[in-house]
N, C-alpha and C. Protein backbone atom coordinates (compact mmCIF):
# COMPACT_ATOMS: atom_id res chain seq x y z
N MET A 1 2.13 -15.59 9.95
CA MET A 1 2.09 -14.21 9.68
C MET A 1 0.80 -13.83 8.86
N ARG A 2 0.13 -12.68 9.16
CA ARG A 2 -1.09 -12.31 8.58
C ARG A 2 -0.94 -10.90 7.99
N LEU A 3 -1.44 -10.69 6.85
CA LEU A 3 -1.41 -9.38 6.18
C LEU A 3 -2.80 -9.01 5.75
N ALA A 4 -3.27 -7.84 6.14
CA ALA A 4 -4.57 -7.35 5.71
C ALA A 4 -4.48 -6.40 4.57
N ILE A 5 -5.10 -6.60 3.44
CA ILE A 5 -5.15 -5.76 2.28
C ILE A 5 -6.52 -5.03 2.13
N VAL A 6 -6.55 -3.75 2.25
CA VAL A 6 -7.83 -3.05 2.15
C VAL A 6 -8.11 -2.77 0.65
N LEU A 7 -9.23 -3.23 0.16
CA LEU A 7 -9.65 -2.99 -1.24
C LEU A 7 -10.95 -2.20 -1.20
N CYS A 8 -11.08 -1.27 -2.09
CA CYS A 8 -12.37 -0.55 -2.22
C CYS A 8 -12.92 -0.72 -3.58
N GLU A 9 -14.12 -0.46 -3.77
CA GLU A 9 -14.75 -0.45 -5.12
C GLU A 9 -13.86 0.40 -6.08
N GLY A 10 -13.53 -0.17 -7.19
CA GLY A 10 -12.72 0.50 -8.20
C GLY A 10 -11.22 0.48 -7.82
N PHE A 11 -10.78 -0.59 -7.03
CA PHE A 11 -9.32 -0.57 -6.64
C PHE A 11 -8.50 -0.83 -7.92
N ALA A 12 -7.25 -0.43 -7.85
CA ALA A 12 -6.29 -0.56 -8.90
C ALA A 12 -5.66 -1.98 -8.85
N ASP A 13 -6.04 -2.88 -9.75
CA ASP A 13 -5.69 -4.27 -9.72
C ASP A 13 -4.24 -4.56 -9.53
N TRP A 14 -3.40 -3.79 -10.26
CA TRP A 14 -1.96 -4.02 -10.39
C TRP A 14 -1.17 -3.58 -9.14
N GLU A 15 -1.76 -2.73 -8.32
CA GLU A 15 -0.96 -2.11 -7.26
C GLU A 15 -0.55 -3.12 -6.13
N CYS A 16 -1.37 -4.06 -5.81
CA CYS A 16 -1.14 -4.99 -4.77
C CYS A 16 -1.08 -6.43 -5.17
N ALA A 17 -1.16 -6.61 -6.50
CA ALA A 17 -1.10 -7.98 -7.00
C ALA A 17 0.17 -8.77 -6.79
N LEU A 18 1.33 -8.17 -7.07
CA LEU A 18 2.54 -8.80 -6.92
C LEU A 18 2.86 -9.04 -5.44
N LEU A 19 2.49 -8.09 -4.53
CA LEU A 19 2.59 -8.32 -3.11
C LEU A 19 1.80 -9.48 -2.61
N MET A 20 0.55 -9.50 -2.99
CA MET A 20 -0.32 -10.63 -2.55
C MET A 20 0.18 -12.00 -3.03
N ALA A 21 0.64 -12.05 -4.34
CA ALA A 21 1.11 -13.29 -4.82
C ALA A 21 2.39 -13.71 -4.14
N ALA A 22 3.36 -12.83 -4.00
CA ALA A 22 4.60 -13.18 -3.33
C ALA A 22 4.41 -13.54 -1.87
N ALA A 23 3.62 -12.79 -1.18
CA ALA A 23 3.39 -13.08 0.21
C ALA A 23 2.63 -14.44 0.40
N ARG A 24 1.64 -14.68 -0.35
CA ARG A 24 0.87 -15.88 -0.17
C ARG A 24 1.61 -17.12 -0.72
N THR A 25 2.00 -17.04 -1.91
CA THR A 25 2.56 -18.23 -2.62
C THR A 25 4.07 -18.55 -2.22
N HIS A 26 4.82 -17.60 -2.14
CA HIS A 26 6.29 -17.76 -1.93
C HIS A 26 6.69 -17.73 -0.46
N LEU A 27 5.89 -16.93 0.34
CA LEU A 27 6.30 -16.74 1.72
C LEU A 27 5.36 -17.34 2.73
N GLY A 28 4.23 -17.92 2.25
CA GLY A 28 3.31 -18.56 3.14
C GLY A 28 2.50 -17.61 4.12
N ILE A 29 2.45 -16.37 3.82
CA ILE A 29 1.71 -15.42 4.54
C ILE A 29 0.24 -15.49 4.30
N ASP A 30 -0.57 -15.42 5.37
CA ASP A 30 -2.03 -15.43 5.25
C ASP A 30 -2.51 -14.04 4.80
N VAL A 31 -2.91 -13.93 3.59
CA VAL A 31 -3.26 -12.61 3.07
C VAL A 31 -4.87 -12.56 3.09
N GLU A 32 -5.42 -11.53 3.81
CA GLU A 32 -6.79 -11.40 3.98
C GLU A 32 -7.20 -10.08 3.42
N VAL A 33 -8.38 -10.09 2.64
CA VAL A 33 -8.83 -8.91 2.07
C VAL A 33 -9.99 -8.29 2.90
N ALA A 34 -9.89 -7.02 3.18
CA ALA A 34 -10.91 -6.29 3.94
C ALA A 34 -11.49 -5.22 3.09
N THR A 35 -12.82 -5.09 3.16
CA THR A 35 -13.51 -4.06 2.41
C THR A 35 -14.35 -3.28 3.39
N ALA A 36 -14.89 -2.12 2.97
CA ALA A 36 -15.64 -1.25 3.83
C ALA A 36 -16.72 -1.90 4.62
N ASP A 37 -17.47 -2.83 4.06
CA ASP A 37 -18.56 -3.47 4.67
C ASP A 37 -18.41 -4.91 4.64
N GLY A 38 -17.37 -5.50 4.16
CA GLY A 38 -17.11 -6.90 4.12
C GLY A 38 -17.72 -7.50 2.84
N ALA A 39 -18.15 -6.69 1.97
CA ALA A 39 -18.82 -7.12 0.74
C ALA A 39 -17.80 -7.27 -0.46
N ARG A 40 -18.23 -7.84 -1.47
CA ARG A 40 -17.42 -7.95 -2.75
C ARG A 40 -17.11 -6.62 -3.29
N VAL A 41 -15.99 -6.43 -3.90
CA VAL A 41 -15.63 -5.23 -4.61
C VAL A 41 -15.18 -5.63 -5.99
N THR A 42 -15.30 -4.65 -6.95
CA THR A 42 -14.82 -4.89 -8.32
C THR A 42 -13.67 -3.92 -8.67
N SER A 43 -12.61 -4.36 -9.26
CA SER A 43 -11.46 -3.50 -9.60
C SER A 43 -11.70 -2.70 -10.76
N MET A 44 -10.80 -1.77 -11.06
CA MET A 44 -10.84 -1.04 -12.25
C MET A 44 -10.93 -1.89 -13.53
N GLY A 45 -10.20 -3.01 -13.51
CA GLY A 45 -10.21 -3.91 -14.62
C GLY A 45 -11.26 -4.93 -14.65
N GLY A 46 -12.24 -4.93 -13.72
CA GLY A 46 -13.36 -5.72 -13.67
C GLY A 46 -13.09 -7.10 -12.88
N LEU A 47 -12.03 -7.20 -12.07
CA LEU A 47 -11.82 -8.34 -11.28
C LEU A 47 -12.70 -8.21 -10.03
N ASP A 48 -13.47 -9.25 -9.78
CA ASP A 48 -14.47 -9.34 -8.73
C ASP A 48 -13.86 -10.07 -7.57
N VAL A 49 -13.81 -9.42 -6.43
CA VAL A 49 -13.03 -9.95 -5.28
C VAL A 49 -14.00 -10.09 -4.04
N SER A 50 -13.94 -11.28 -3.40
CA SER A 50 -14.70 -11.48 -2.15
C SER A 50 -13.82 -11.06 -0.93
N ALA A 51 -14.43 -10.44 -0.01
CA ALA A 51 -13.71 -9.97 1.16
C ALA A 51 -13.71 -11.09 2.17
N HIS A 52 -12.68 -11.13 3.03
CA HIS A 52 -12.60 -12.03 4.14
C HIS A 52 -13.32 -11.36 5.40
N LEU A 53 -13.16 -10.06 5.53
CA LEU A 53 -13.73 -9.39 6.61
C LEU A 53 -14.00 -7.94 6.26
N SER A 54 -14.60 -7.18 7.17
CA SER A 54 -14.86 -5.78 7.00
C SER A 54 -13.67 -5.02 7.63
N ILE A 55 -13.55 -3.80 7.24
CA ILE A 55 -12.44 -2.95 7.75
C ILE A 55 -12.62 -2.76 9.26
N ASP A 56 -13.91 -2.62 9.62
CA ASP A 56 -14.11 -2.42 11.10
C ASP A 56 -13.69 -3.59 11.97
N ALA A 57 -13.55 -4.78 11.33
CA ALA A 57 -13.16 -5.97 12.11
C ALA A 57 -11.71 -6.14 12.17
N LEU A 58 -10.86 -5.26 11.54
CA LEU A 58 -9.50 -5.35 11.53
C LEU A 58 -8.90 -4.98 12.86
N ASP A 59 -8.16 -5.93 13.48
CA ASP A 59 -7.50 -5.73 14.81
C ASP A 59 -6.05 -5.90 14.68
N PRO A 60 -5.19 -4.94 14.94
CA PRO A 60 -3.76 -5.07 14.82
C PRO A 60 -3.23 -6.31 15.64
N ALA A 61 -3.88 -6.71 16.63
CA ALA A 61 -3.41 -7.92 17.44
C ALA A 61 -3.40 -9.07 16.55
N GLY A 62 -4.20 -9.15 15.50
CA GLY A 62 -4.31 -10.32 14.71
C GLY A 62 -3.63 -10.24 13.39
N PHE A 63 -2.96 -9.09 13.10
CA PHE A 63 -2.28 -8.91 11.79
C PHE A 63 -0.92 -8.37 12.00
N ASP A 64 0.00 -8.59 11.07
CA ASP A 64 1.32 -8.13 11.17
C ASP A 64 1.45 -6.82 10.30
N GLY A 65 0.45 -6.55 9.42
CA GLY A 65 0.54 -5.42 8.58
C GLY A 65 -0.80 -5.09 7.97
N LEU A 66 -0.97 -3.79 7.65
CA LEU A 66 -2.16 -3.22 7.02
C LEU A 66 -1.71 -2.58 5.70
N VAL A 67 -2.27 -3.03 4.61
CA VAL A 67 -1.92 -2.46 3.21
C VAL A 67 -3.21 -1.87 2.61
N ILE A 68 -3.16 -0.59 2.16
CA ILE A 68 -4.22 0.10 1.53
C ILE A 68 -3.94 0.27 0.12
N CYS A 69 -4.78 -0.38 -0.69
CA CYS A 69 -4.55 -0.31 -2.13
C CYS A 69 -5.21 1.00 -2.70
N GLY A 70 -4.60 1.49 -3.76
CA GLY A 70 -5.20 2.68 -4.36
C GLY A 70 -6.32 2.30 -5.31
N GLY A 71 -6.94 3.39 -5.93
CA GLY A 71 -8.02 3.24 -6.76
C GLY A 71 -8.74 4.53 -6.99
N SER A 72 -9.82 4.44 -7.75
CA SER A 72 -10.52 5.65 -7.98
C SER A 72 -11.29 6.31 -6.92
N ILE A 73 -11.67 5.50 -5.89
CA ILE A 73 -12.51 5.99 -4.81
C ILE A 73 -11.79 7.05 -3.97
N TRP A 74 -10.44 7.00 -3.83
CA TRP A 74 -9.77 7.88 -2.87
C TRP A 74 -9.78 9.31 -3.10
N ASP A 75 -10.18 9.70 -4.32
CA ASP A 75 -10.36 11.15 -4.66
C ASP A 75 -11.85 11.58 -4.66
N THR A 76 -12.66 10.74 -3.95
CA THR A 76 -14.10 11.09 -3.91
C THR A 76 -14.56 11.14 -2.43
N ASN A 77 -15.81 11.54 -2.21
CA ASN A 77 -16.36 11.60 -0.86
C ASN A 77 -16.76 10.15 -0.42
N GLU A 78 -16.71 9.23 -1.36
CA GLU A 78 -17.11 7.81 -1.03
C GLU A 78 -16.01 7.08 -0.36
N ALA A 79 -14.79 7.67 -0.27
CA ALA A 79 -13.69 6.95 0.32
C ALA A 79 -13.96 6.67 1.83
N PRO A 80 -13.70 5.45 2.27
CA PRO A 80 -13.90 5.14 3.73
C PRO A 80 -12.95 5.87 4.59
N ASP A 81 -13.32 6.29 5.77
CA ASP A 81 -12.39 6.87 6.77
C ASP A 81 -11.79 5.75 7.46
N LEU A 82 -10.42 5.59 7.27
CA LEU A 82 -9.71 4.46 7.86
C LEU A 82 -8.83 4.95 9.09
N SER A 83 -9.04 6.22 9.51
CA SER A 83 -8.19 6.84 10.47
C SER A 83 -8.09 6.01 11.80
N THR A 84 -9.15 5.49 12.27
CA THR A 84 -9.16 4.77 13.57
C THR A 84 -8.32 3.48 13.40
N THR A 85 -8.49 2.77 12.18
CA THR A 85 -7.83 1.57 11.97
C THR A 85 -6.32 1.83 11.75
N ILE A 86 -5.98 2.89 10.99
CA ILE A 86 -4.56 3.24 10.72
C ILE A 86 -3.91 3.56 12.05
N ARG A 87 -4.58 4.39 12.88
CA ARG A 87 -3.92 4.71 14.23
C ARG A 87 -3.66 3.56 15.08
N ALA A 88 -4.60 2.55 15.02
CA ALA A 88 -4.48 1.38 15.91
C ALA A 88 -3.26 0.55 15.41
N PHE A 89 -3.13 0.36 14.15
CA PHE A 89 -1.99 -0.44 13.60
C PHE A 89 -0.68 0.37 13.85
N ASP A 90 -0.74 1.67 13.64
CA ASP A 90 0.51 2.48 13.97
C ASP A 90 0.89 2.41 15.45
N ARG A 91 -0.13 2.51 16.32
CA ARG A 91 0.13 2.43 17.78
C ARG A 91 0.81 1.18 18.15
N ASP A 92 0.38 0.04 17.49
CA ASP A 92 0.96 -1.31 17.73
C ASP A 92 2.27 -1.57 16.99
N LYS A 93 2.73 -0.55 16.22
CA LYS A 93 3.94 -0.64 15.46
C LYS A 93 3.81 -1.82 14.43
N ARG A 94 2.68 -2.01 13.85
CA ARG A 94 2.51 -2.89 12.74
C ARG A 94 2.90 -2.24 11.47
N VAL A 95 3.23 -2.92 10.40
CA VAL A 95 3.51 -2.32 9.15
C VAL A 95 2.23 -1.72 8.65
N VAL A 96 2.29 -0.44 8.28
CA VAL A 96 1.17 0.40 7.71
C VAL A 96 1.61 0.88 6.38
N ALA A 97 0.94 0.43 5.28
CA ALA A 97 1.39 0.75 3.93
C ALA A 97 0.26 1.20 3.06
N ALA A 98 0.52 2.05 2.13
CA ALA A 98 -0.46 2.57 1.18
C ALA A 98 0.23 2.96 -0.10
N ILE A 99 -0.48 2.73 -1.24
CA ILE A 99 0.02 3.01 -2.57
C ILE A 99 -1.00 3.91 -3.33
N CYS A 100 -0.52 4.81 -4.12
CA CYS A 100 -1.37 5.60 -5.00
C CYS A 100 -2.35 6.38 -4.15
N GLY A 101 -3.66 6.34 -4.56
CA GLY A 101 -4.68 7.10 -3.83
C GLY A 101 -4.81 6.61 -2.38
N GLY A 102 -4.41 5.30 -2.11
CA GLY A 102 -4.56 4.91 -0.69
C GLY A 102 -3.71 5.69 0.25
N VAL A 103 -2.65 6.39 -0.25
CA VAL A 103 -1.79 7.25 0.53
C VAL A 103 -2.68 8.37 1.23
N ASN A 104 -3.73 8.76 0.42
CA ASN A 104 -4.68 9.73 0.99
C ASN A 104 -5.27 9.39 2.38
N ALA A 105 -5.53 8.05 2.55
CA ALA A 105 -6.04 7.60 3.86
C ALA A 105 -5.02 7.82 5.00
N LEU A 106 -3.78 7.57 4.67
CA LEU A 106 -2.64 7.84 5.65
C LEU A 106 -2.61 9.33 5.90
N ALA A 107 -2.65 10.10 4.84
CA ALA A 107 -2.54 11.55 5.05
C ALA A 107 -3.62 12.19 5.87
N THR A 108 -4.92 11.83 5.57
CA THR A 108 -5.95 12.38 6.36
C THR A 108 -6.05 11.89 7.72
N SER A 109 -5.45 10.75 8.07
CA SER A 109 -5.38 10.30 9.41
C SER A 109 -4.35 11.07 10.24
N GLY A 110 -3.45 11.74 9.61
CA GLY A 110 -2.41 12.51 10.29
C GLY A 110 -1.10 11.70 10.48
N LEU A 111 -1.08 10.48 10.01
CA LEU A 111 0.08 9.61 10.18
C LEU A 111 1.31 10.16 9.46
N LEU A 112 1.11 10.88 8.40
CA LEU A 112 2.24 11.35 7.53
C LEU A 112 2.81 12.69 7.93
N ASN A 113 2.16 13.27 8.93
CA ASN A 113 2.58 14.65 9.23
C ASN A 113 4.01 14.83 9.80
N GLY A 114 4.57 13.74 10.35
CA GLY A 114 5.94 13.90 10.92
C GLY A 114 6.90 12.87 10.33
N ILE A 115 6.56 12.15 9.29
CA ILE A 115 7.49 11.16 8.74
C ILE A 115 7.73 11.36 7.22
N ASP A 116 8.88 10.97 6.81
CA ASP A 116 9.17 10.95 5.37
C ASP A 116 8.22 9.96 4.61
N HIS A 117 7.70 10.46 3.50
CA HIS A 117 6.77 9.69 2.74
C HIS A 117 6.73 10.12 1.31
N THR A 118 6.09 9.35 0.44
CA THR A 118 5.95 9.68 -1.00
C THR A 118 4.45 9.40 -1.29
N GLY A 119 4.17 9.54 -2.54
CA GLY A 119 2.73 9.26 -3.09
C GLY A 119 2.66 9.70 -4.57
N ASN A 120 1.53 9.91 -5.03
CA ASN A 120 1.31 10.30 -6.34
C ASN A 120 1.81 11.75 -6.64
N SER A 121 1.52 12.64 -5.72
CA SER A 121 2.07 14.04 -5.85
C SER A 121 1.94 14.78 -4.55
N ALA A 122 2.85 15.72 -4.30
CA ALA A 122 2.73 16.54 -3.08
C ALA A 122 1.49 17.44 -3.16
N GLU A 123 1.09 17.90 -4.32
CA GLU A 123 -0.05 18.72 -4.50
C GLU A 123 -1.34 18.05 -4.18
N SER A 124 -1.48 16.78 -4.57
CA SER A 124 -2.73 16.08 -4.32
C SER A 124 -2.90 15.85 -2.78
N LEU A 125 -1.77 15.62 -2.03
CA LEU A 125 -1.87 15.39 -0.66
C LEU A 125 -2.12 16.73 0.13
N ALA A 126 -1.55 17.74 -0.41
CA ALA A 126 -1.59 19.13 0.27
C ALA A 126 -3.04 19.58 0.41
N ALA A 127 -3.87 19.09 -0.53
CA ALA A 127 -5.37 19.60 -0.43
C ALA A 127 -6.21 18.75 0.52
N LEU A 128 -5.63 17.77 1.17
CA LEU A 128 -6.45 16.88 2.01
C LEU A 128 -6.56 17.45 3.46
N PRO A 129 -7.73 17.33 4.11
CA PRO A 129 -7.95 17.73 5.46
C PRO A 129 -7.04 16.85 6.42
N GLY A 130 -6.43 17.48 7.38
CA GLY A 130 -5.66 16.70 8.33
C GLY A 130 -4.19 16.49 7.95
N TYR A 131 -3.89 16.82 6.69
CA TYR A 131 -2.52 16.65 6.27
C TYR A 131 -1.71 17.91 6.42
N ARG A 132 -0.56 17.76 7.11
CA ARG A 132 0.44 18.86 7.31
C ARG A 132 1.81 18.29 7.10
N GLY A 133 1.94 17.25 6.30
CA GLY A 133 3.30 16.58 6.11
C GLY A 133 4.07 17.08 4.92
N GLY A 134 3.65 18.20 4.31
CA GLY A 134 4.39 18.71 3.16
C GLY A 134 5.87 18.72 3.21
N PRO A 135 6.46 19.10 4.35
CA PRO A 135 7.93 19.20 4.47
C PRO A 135 8.61 17.82 4.37
N HIS A 136 7.83 16.78 4.65
CA HIS A 136 8.31 15.43 4.70
C HIS A 136 8.07 14.62 3.43
N TYR A 137 7.41 15.24 2.48
CA TYR A 137 7.06 14.59 1.20
C TYR A 137 8.35 14.40 0.37
N ARG A 138 8.58 13.28 -0.14
CA ARG A 138 9.76 12.99 -1.03
C ARG A 138 9.28 12.57 -2.42
N ASP A 139 9.63 13.37 -3.40
CA ASP A 139 9.23 13.17 -4.78
C ASP A 139 10.27 12.11 -5.41
N GLN A 140 9.84 10.86 -5.31
CA GLN A 140 10.72 9.82 -5.83
C GLN A 140 9.96 8.77 -6.49
N PRO A 141 10.48 7.99 -7.48
CA PRO A 141 9.77 6.98 -8.23
C PRO A 141 9.56 5.66 -7.44
N GLN A 142 10.34 5.40 -6.48
CA GLN A 142 10.29 4.17 -5.72
C GLN A 142 9.44 4.34 -4.42
N ALA A 143 8.98 3.25 -3.94
CA ALA A 143 8.32 3.25 -2.62
C ALA A 143 9.34 3.75 -1.57
N LEU A 144 8.77 4.22 -0.50
CA LEU A 144 9.60 4.74 0.61
C LEU A 144 9.12 4.08 1.96
N ARG A 145 10.08 3.56 2.68
CA ARG A 145 9.83 2.96 4.04
C ARG A 145 10.49 3.79 5.02
N GLY A 146 9.74 4.25 6.00
CA GLY A 146 10.21 4.92 7.18
C GLY A 146 9.77 4.22 8.40
N GLY A 147 10.62 3.46 9.10
CA GLY A 147 10.18 2.61 10.15
C GLY A 147 9.21 1.60 9.73
N HIS A 148 8.01 1.61 10.25
CA HIS A 148 7.02 0.58 9.88
C HIS A 148 5.89 1.15 8.89
N VAL A 149 6.18 2.36 8.35
CA VAL A 149 5.26 3.03 7.38
C VAL A 149 5.90 2.93 5.94
N VAL A 150 5.05 2.40 5.00
CA VAL A 150 5.50 2.37 3.64
C VAL A 150 4.47 3.12 2.77
N THR A 151 5.02 4.01 1.87
CA THR A 151 4.21 4.71 0.95
C THR A 151 4.81 4.61 -0.48
N ALA A 152 3.93 4.68 -1.45
CA ALA A 152 4.30 4.60 -2.85
C ALA A 152 3.37 5.26 -3.82
N ALA A 153 3.79 5.76 -4.90
CA ALA A 153 3.04 6.29 -6.02
C ALA A 153 2.42 5.02 -6.67
N GLY A 154 1.34 5.16 -7.45
CA GLY A 154 0.76 4.06 -8.08
C GLY A 154 1.64 3.40 -9.20
N THR A 155 2.70 4.10 -9.49
CA THR A 155 3.62 3.54 -10.55
C THR A 155 4.72 2.70 -9.97
N ALA A 156 4.65 2.39 -8.62
CA ALA A 156 5.74 1.69 -8.03
C ALA A 156 5.28 0.41 -7.26
N PRO A 157 4.48 -0.49 -7.91
CA PRO A 157 4.02 -1.63 -7.20
C PRO A 157 5.16 -2.60 -6.80
N ILE A 158 6.23 -2.63 -7.55
CA ILE A 158 7.29 -3.59 -7.32
C ILE A 158 8.12 -3.20 -6.06
N SER A 159 8.53 -2.00 -6.04
CA SER A 159 9.27 -1.57 -4.81
C SER A 159 8.30 -1.41 -3.62
N PHE A 160 7.06 -1.19 -3.82
CA PHE A 160 6.00 -1.23 -2.74
C PHE A 160 6.06 -2.53 -2.09
N ALA A 161 5.90 -3.58 -2.90
CA ALA A 161 5.86 -5.02 -2.40
C ALA A 161 7.17 -5.25 -1.64
N GLY A 162 8.32 -4.90 -2.22
CA GLY A 162 9.56 -5.18 -1.50
C GLY A 162 9.69 -4.51 -0.19
N GLU A 163 9.33 -3.15 -0.14
CA GLU A 163 9.48 -2.49 1.14
C GLU A 163 8.52 -2.98 2.20
N ILE A 164 7.36 -3.49 1.84
CA ILE A 164 6.47 -4.10 2.82
C ILE A 164 7.06 -5.41 3.28
N LEU A 165 7.57 -6.17 2.48
CA LEU A 165 8.13 -7.45 2.84
C LEU A 165 9.36 -7.24 3.72
N HIS A 166 10.17 -6.33 3.32
CA HIS A 166 11.35 -6.00 4.13
C HIS A 166 10.92 -5.46 5.57
N GLY A 167 9.88 -4.60 5.53
CA GLY A 167 9.32 -4.12 6.74
C GLY A 167 8.78 -5.16 7.71
N LEU A 168 8.30 -6.24 7.14
CA LEU A 168 7.85 -7.38 7.84
C LEU A 168 8.96 -8.27 8.41
N GLY A 169 10.20 -7.90 8.03
CA GLY A 169 11.36 -8.72 8.46
C GLY A 169 11.67 -9.84 7.51
N LEU A 170 11.13 -9.80 6.28
CA LEU A 170 11.29 -10.97 5.42
C LEU A 170 12.24 -10.67 4.25
N GLY A 171 13.05 -9.65 4.46
CA GLY A 171 14.04 -9.27 3.42
C GLY A 171 15.14 -10.33 3.28
N SER A 172 15.54 -10.56 1.97
CA SER A 172 16.51 -11.59 1.72
C SER A 172 17.10 -11.30 0.39
N THR A 173 18.23 -11.89 0.10
CA THR A 173 18.75 -11.83 -1.28
C THR A 173 17.83 -12.49 -2.33
N GLU A 174 17.13 -13.55 -1.80
CA GLU A 174 16.19 -14.23 -2.71
C GLU A 174 15.03 -13.31 -3.00
N LEU A 175 14.51 -12.58 -2.03
CA LEU A 175 13.40 -11.62 -2.31
C LEU A 175 13.90 -10.51 -3.16
N ASP A 176 15.06 -9.95 -2.95
CA ASP A 176 15.60 -8.91 -3.81
C ASP A 176 15.76 -9.42 -5.22
N GLY A 177 16.15 -10.65 -5.48
CA GLY A 177 16.26 -11.16 -6.79
C GLY A 177 14.91 -11.38 -7.45
N PHE A 178 13.92 -11.82 -6.66
CA PHE A 178 12.59 -11.99 -7.14
C PHE A 178 12.01 -10.66 -7.58
N LEU A 179 12.19 -9.58 -6.79
CA LEU A 179 11.65 -8.25 -7.20
C LEU A 179 12.44 -7.67 -8.33
N ALA A 180 13.76 -7.96 -8.47
CA ALA A 180 14.53 -7.44 -9.56
C ALA A 180 14.01 -8.11 -10.85
N LEU A 181 13.64 -9.33 -10.79
CA LEU A 181 13.15 -10.06 -11.90
C LEU A 181 11.89 -9.29 -12.50
N TYR A 182 10.99 -8.96 -11.64
CA TYR A 182 9.81 -8.20 -12.12
C TYR A 182 10.10 -6.78 -12.49
N GLY A 183 11.17 -6.20 -12.06
CA GLY A 183 11.44 -4.84 -12.37
C GLY A 183 12.45 -4.77 -13.53
N HIS A 184 12.90 -5.92 -14.03
CA HIS A 184 13.89 -5.98 -15.11
C HIS A 184 13.50 -5.16 -16.32
N GLU A 185 12.22 -5.12 -16.72
CA GLU A 185 11.81 -4.42 -17.89
C GLU A 185 12.00 -2.90 -17.76
N HIS A 186 12.20 -2.36 -16.64
CA HIS A 186 12.35 -1.01 -16.41
C HIS A 186 13.82 -0.58 -16.51
N ARG A 187 14.73 -1.48 -16.70
CA ARG A 187 16.17 -1.12 -16.88
C ARG A 187 16.33 -0.40 -18.24
N THR A 188 17.30 0.45 -18.22
CA THR A 188 17.65 1.14 -19.53
C THR A 188 18.64 0.28 -20.32
N ASN A 189 18.41 0.03 -21.62
CA ASN A 189 19.27 -0.75 -22.37
C ASN A 189 20.42 0.10 -22.97
N GLU A 190 21.16 -0.50 -23.74
CA GLU A 190 22.45 0.18 -24.31
C GLU A 190 22.10 1.39 -25.12
N SER A 191 20.90 1.42 -25.72
CA SER A 191 20.52 2.50 -26.57
C SER A 191 19.90 3.63 -25.73
N GLY A 192 19.75 3.37 -24.46
CA GLY A 192 19.22 4.43 -23.58
C GLY A 192 17.69 4.38 -23.46
N SER A 193 17.02 3.43 -24.10
CA SER A 193 15.60 3.29 -23.98
C SER A 193 15.26 2.23 -22.94
N VAL A 194 14.03 2.24 -22.51
CA VAL A 194 13.63 1.33 -21.51
C VAL A 194 13.25 -0.04 -22.18
N GLY A 195 13.65 -1.21 -21.56
CA GLY A 195 13.33 -2.47 -22.10
C GLY A 195 14.44 -3.30 -22.44
């Protein structure tokens, strides 16, 4: 199984880290990083990452899923246009997932116009060209999977990882336990506070 992770300059380190670690280390998935031109990128936190390939080289025939990580670039004119790649993965019914600002790429491609989805905010998506999915936006804290499409706010990397792995057919009680372990700190304690 192969999973493509799209990272752009200034990507949000934490948003795909758990997914990448769980997929590669625990599930044996081949995780490959794609960037706009196949070059190295640096995260918000200064993590320098080498790409395996360029976005243009992504072919859904060779991957089981496409994941678009969020970051500062998605609210700028520097954001790459992933519409052709997104549509190709969607057409082949591969998992297509995006978190935080990466959801903008799905929105501008038109993919979200007819399916339930979430993201950072309905208002931020409504301003994007090509997006007419307002009636399908769901304001919720967890990631949302509809068929083979997964969306999440930047505050939901744990459920994002879980929904992608479930979407790939890898759901299990072991996976749910693993994800619950990482989400444990978000439980409310007896005093009503988090932790």
